[in-house]
Amino acid sequence: MVYSGSGLIGYGQLIIVKHNDNYLSAYGHNRSILVKEGDQVTKGQNIAEMGTANNGNPLLHFEIRRDGRPVDPLGLLPRR
């Protein structure tokens, strides 16, 4: 994992996971972060607790970036 914290405005408590030299995933607006920078994370591991919007509804910002640019995650996520 390359970042965890609240230093980027607009994302609340944010986690950024580096998957390889090209891909990052970002998870924002977390209620609490369960990992820290430098941790190795594994598939299925809980890394945070989801936050809520001002109206109390669950809120999560999720994005995938390839070479620093956001991409549509649908083609990269497993099908169920």
Foldseek 3Di string as FASTA:
>chain_A
DAAFQQPDPPFGTKDWDDPDPFKIKMKGQFPAADDHHPDDDDPPDDGTHFHADPVRHTDIDIFMGTNRHTDDCPVVDDDD
